[in-house]
Structure formats: C-alpha cells, structure tokens
Amino acid sequence: MVDKRKSPRKFDEEFKKSIVKLYEGGKSQNALASEYGIALSSVAR
C-alpha cells in the first residue's frame, strides 16, 4: 500500500512574520487561511 499523505510544507520565517503581523493588525485566522491557501491550524500556531 502506498502512503499518499502530503509532506508538510515549510514556511520561511519572513512569511510567518508577515502572517503574524496581519493577524495582529486585525485579520481573522479564517481570512488569512483562505487568502494564503494554508490550513487554519497553521495560522493558529
């Protein structure tokens, strides 16, 4: 049987910091996840 799970994506520090800034600026986690195509759980971390 072949494992078809995706390998986790790696986000660079600059990208992470920009997401945090946007969140602190008032954007919701849902909006950020939708806009950047990332999982909500990734934004919540």
N, C-alpha and C. Protein backbone atom coordinates (compact mmCIF):
# COMPACT_ATOMS: atom_id res chain seq x y z
N MET A 1 0.84 -1.19 0.00
CA MET A 1 0.00 0.00 0.00
C MET A 1 0.88 1.25 0.00
N VAL A 2 0.53 2.23 -0.80
CA VAL A 2 1.33 3.45 -0.95
C VAL A 2 0.77 4.53 -0.04
N ASP A 3 1.66 5.21 0.67
CA ASP A 3 1.25 6.32 1.54
C ASP A 3 1.06 7.56 0.70
N LYS A 4 -0.18 8.08 0.62
CA LYS A 4 -0.48 9.21 -0.25
C LYS A 4 -0.60 10.54 0.50
N ARG A 5 -0.19 10.55 1.77
CA ARG A 5 -0.25 11.80 2.51
C ARG A 5 0.74 12.80 1.97
N LYS A 6 0.36 14.06 2.01
CA LYS A 6 1.27 15.12 1.56
C LYS A 6 2.33 15.34 2.63
N SER A 7 3.52 15.69 2.20
CA SER A 7 4.54 16.04 3.18
C SER A 7 4.26 17.46 3.65
N PRO A 8 4.57 17.75 4.91
CA PRO A 8 4.27 19.08 5.44
C PRO A 8 5.05 20.17 4.70
N ARG A 9 4.36 21.28 4.47
CA ARG A 9 5.04 22.42 3.81
C ARG A 9 5.86 23.16 4.84
N LYS A 10 6.96 23.70 4.40
CA LYS A 10 7.82 24.51 5.26
C LYS A 10 7.62 25.97 4.89
N PHE A 11 7.35 26.80 5.87
CA PHE A 11 7.18 28.23 5.64
C PHE A 11 8.39 28.95 6.18
N ASP A 12 8.95 29.88 5.38
CA ASP A 12 10.12 30.60 5.85
C ASP A 12 9.72 31.64 6.91
N GLU A 13 10.70 32.09 7.65
CA GLU A 13 10.44 33.00 8.77
C GLU A 13 9.77 34.29 8.32
N GLU A 14 10.15 34.80 7.17
CA GLU A 14 9.58 36.05 6.66
C GLU A 14 8.07 35.89 6.42
N PHE A 15 7.68 34.77 5.84
CA PHE A 15 6.26 34.50 5.59
C PHE A 15 5.50 34.40 6.91
N LYS A 16 6.06 33.67 7.87
CA LYS A 16 5.41 33.51 9.17
C LYS A 16 5.21 34.86 9.85
N LYS A 17 6.25 35.70 9.81
CA LYS A 17 6.16 37.01 10.45
C LYS A 17 5.12 37.89 9.78
N SER A 18 5.00 37.78 8.46
CA SER A 18 4.00 38.60 7.76
C SER A 18 2.59 38.16 8.14
N ILE A 19 2.38 36.86 8.31
CA ILE A 19 1.06 36.35 8.72
C ILE A 19 0.74 36.85 10.13
N VAL A 20 1.71 36.78 11.03
CA VAL A 20 1.50 37.25 12.40
C VAL A 20 1.17 38.74 12.42
N LYS A 21 1.87 39.53 11.62
CA LYS A 21 1.61 40.97 11.54
C LYS A 21 0.19 41.25 11.07
N LEU A 22 -0.23 40.54 10.04
CA LEU A 22 -1.58 40.71 9.52
C LEU A 22 -2.62 40.33 10.57
N TYR A 23 -2.35 39.24 11.29
CA TYR A 23 -3.27 38.79 12.35
C TYR A 23 -3.34 39.83 13.47
N GLU A 24 -2.20 40.33 13.88
CA GLU A 24 -2.16 41.34 14.93
C GLU A 24 -2.80 42.64 14.47
N GLY A 25 -2.80 42.87 13.15
CA GLY A 25 -3.42 44.06 12.58
C GLY A 25 -4.94 43.95 12.45
N GLY A 26 -5.49 42.78 12.79
CA GLY A 26 -6.94 42.66 12.81
C GLY A 26 -7.55 41.65 11.86
N LYS A 27 -6.74 41.02 11.01
CA LYS A 27 -7.31 39.99 10.10
C LYS A 27 -7.59 38.73 10.90
N SER A 28 -8.69 38.09 10.57
CA SER A 28 -9.05 36.86 11.28
C SER A 28 -8.21 35.68 10.78
N GLN A 29 -8.12 34.66 11.61
CA GLN A 29 -7.39 33.46 11.22
C GLN A 29 -8.04 32.82 10.00
N ASN A 30 -9.37 32.81 9.95
CA ASN A 30 -10.07 32.23 8.80
C ASN A 30 -9.74 32.99 7.52
N ALA A 31 -9.72 34.32 7.59
CA ALA A 31 -9.43 35.12 6.41
C ALA A 31 -8.00 34.87 5.92
N LEU A 32 -7.05 34.78 6.83
CA LEU A 32 -5.66 34.54 6.46
C LEU A 32 -5.50 33.15 5.84
N ALA A 33 -6.14 32.15 6.43
CA ALA A 33 -6.04 30.79 5.90
C ALA A 33 -6.60 30.72 4.49
N SER A 34 -7.74 31.37 4.27
CA SER A 34 -8.36 31.36 2.94
C SER A 34 -7.52 32.13 1.93
N GLU A 35 -7.07 33.30 2.32
CA GLU A 35 -6.32 34.17 1.41
C GLU A 35 -5.00 33.56 0.96
N TYR A 36 -4.30 32.88 1.88
CA TYR A 36 -2.98 32.34 1.57
C TYR A 36 -2.99 30.85 1.27
N GLY A 37 -4.17 30.23 1.32
CA GLY A 37 -4.27 28.82 0.98
C GLY A 37 -3.55 27.90 1.93
N ILE A 38 -3.58 28.26 3.21
CA ILE A 38 -2.93 27.43 4.23
C ILE A 38 -3.98 26.94 5.22
N ALA A 39 -3.67 25.88 5.93
CA ALA A 39 -4.60 25.31 6.89
C ALA A 39 -4.81 26.25 8.07
N LEU A 40 -6.02 26.27 8.57
CA LEU A 40 -6.34 27.10 9.74
C LEU A 40 -5.42 26.74 10.92
N SER A 41 -5.12 25.48 11.07
CA SER A 41 -4.25 25.07 12.17
C SER A 41 -2.84 25.64 12.03
N SER A 42 -2.41 25.88 10.80
CA SER A 42 -1.10 26.50 10.58
C SER A 42 -1.12 27.96 11.01
N VAL A 43 -2.22 28.64 10.76
CA VAL A 43 -2.35 30.04 11.17
C VAL A 43 -2.43 30.14 12.69
N ALA A 44 -3.14 29.21 13.30
CA ALA A 44 -3.36 29.26 14.75
C ALA A 44 -2.06 29.07 15.53
N ARG A 45 -1.08 28.44 14.92
CA ARG A 45 0.19 28.24 15.62
C ARG A 45 0.92 29.51 15.60
